[in-house]
Amino acid sequence: EGSRAMAEASVTVSDFQRQVAAAAKRLGHECEEEAKDPVSGYSIDVLIKPSGSKVCEGEGRLGVAVEVDGPSHFLGNGQQPTGNTILKRRLLSK
């Protein structure tokens, strides 16, 4: 499947992404960088896990996904996301 192949593409971790994860940890959150979404197969930049459990109560969720989208996720110098970014956002929001 096309989305699965895109999800398995190489992952790049930016300094900004590391800073976001470090800030979440300083705020007391348990985080996992580059966690794999079990549904789409995409890598989640920073997964903030719920306190005290692996899954949010009653919702079957892993936590809160934080995507750290730098300039390569947008067309030109604008705010229009690339097609790959739009697809990833759509699949992770399900």
Protein backbone atom coordinates (compact mmCIF):
# COMPACT_ATOMS: atom_id res chain seq x y z
CA GLU A 1 0.00 0.00 0.00
CA GLY A 2 1.28 3.50 -0.86
CA SER A 3 0.79 5.05 2.56
CA ARG A 4 2.60 2.13 4.20
CA ALA A 5 5.61 2.61 1.90
CA MET A 6 5.72 6.34 2.70
CA ALA A 7 5.47 5.56 6.41
CA GLU A 8 8.54 3.34 6.16
CA ALA A 9 10.67 6.06 4.55
CA SER A 10 13.77 7.16 6.43
CA VAL A 11 13.17 9.27 9.53
CA THR A 12 15.06 12.48 10.24
CA VAL A 13 15.12 13.89 13.77
CA SER A 14 15.78 17.62 13.91
CA ASP A 15 17.30 19.61 16.75
CA PHE A 16 13.97 21.42 17.03
CA GLN A 17 12.16 18.09 17.49
CA ARG A 18 14.61 17.11 20.23
CA GLN A 19 13.98 20.48 21.91
CA VAL A 20 10.21 19.94 21.81
CA ALA A 21 10.56 16.48 23.38
CA ALA A 22 12.95 17.83 26.03
CA ALA A 23 10.51 20.64 26.90
CA ALA A 24 7.64 18.16 27.29
CA LYS A 25 9.82 16.03 29.57
CA ARG A 26 10.78 19.08 31.67
CA LEU A 27 7.04 19.70 32.11
CA GLY A 28 6.74 16.23 33.60
CA HIS A 29 5.36 14.32 30.61
CA GLU A 30 6.55 10.87 29.63
CA CYS A 31 7.47 11.03 25.95
CA GLU A 32 8.60 8.74 23.19
CA GLU A 33 10.32 10.12 20.12
CA GLU A 34 9.63 8.49 16.76
CA ALA A 35 6.90 6.24 18.14
CA LYS A 36 5.26 4.13 15.44
CA ASP A 37 1.53 4.63 14.92
CA PRO A 38 0.06 1.11 14.92
CA VAL A 39 -2.71 2.01 12.46
CA SER A 40 -0.92 3.99 9.75
CA GLY A 41 2.63 2.83 10.36
CA TYR A 42 3.83 6.43 10.37
CA SER A 43 6.44 7.60 12.84
CA ILE A 44 5.10 10.13 15.34
CA ASP A 45 7.67 12.84 16.09
CA VAL A 46 6.87 13.02 19.82
CA LEU A 47 4.27 10.87 21.55
CA ILE A 48 3.20 12.27 24.92
CA LYS A 49 2.01 9.27 26.88
CA PRO A 50 -0.91 9.44 29.30
CA SER A 51 0.00 9.40 33.00
CA GLY A 52 -0.13 6.03 34.70
CA SER A 53 -1.17 3.85 31.76
CA LYS A 54 -0.20 2.80 28.26
CA VAL A 55 -3.58 3.69 26.76
CA CYS A 56 -5.87 6.67 27.44
CA GLU A 57 -8.76 5.37 29.52
CA GLY A 58 -11.64 4.06 27.44
CA GLU A 59 -10.46 5.63 24.20
CA GLY A 60 -7.88 3.11 23.00
CA ARG A 61 -5.40 5.92 22.30
CA LEU A 62 -1.67 5.79 22.82
CA GLY A 63 -1.44 9.43 23.95
CA VAL A 64 -1.08 12.79 22.23
CA ALA A 65 0.86 12.89 18.97
CA VAL A 66 2.98 16.00 18.43
CA GLU A 67 4.28 16.59 14.92
CA VAL A 68 7.19 19.01 14.66
CA ASP A 69 6.91 20.29 11.10
CA GLY A 70 9.86 22.35 9.97
CA PRO A 71 10.36 24.10 6.60
CA SER A 72 10.69 20.86 4.61
CA HIS A 73 7.02 20.09 5.35
CA PHE A 74 5.84 23.20 3.48
CA LEU A 75 5.88 24.40 -0.12
CA GLY A 76 8.35 27.21 -0.81
CA ASN A 77 8.46 29.76 1.98
CA GLY A 78 4.73 29.61 2.56
CA GLN A 79 2.37 27.94 4.96
CA GLN A 80 0.94 25.43 2.44
CA PRO A 81 1.91 21.90 3.59
CA THR A 82 3.34 19.42 1.10
CA GLY A 83 1.26 16.49 -0.12
CA ASN A 84 3.23 14.06 2.06
CA THR A 85 2.57 16.20 5.14
CA ILE A 86 -1.16 16.45 4.36
CA LEU A 87 -1.39 12.67 3.95
CA LYS A 88 0.49 11.98 7.19
CA ARG A 89 -1.69 14.42 9.14
CA ARG A 90 -4.85 12.88 7.72
CA LEU A 91 -3.80 9.32 8.55
CA LEU A 92 -2.58 10.18 12.07
CA SER A 93 -5.82 12.02 12.89
CA LYS A 94 -7.90 8.86 12.50
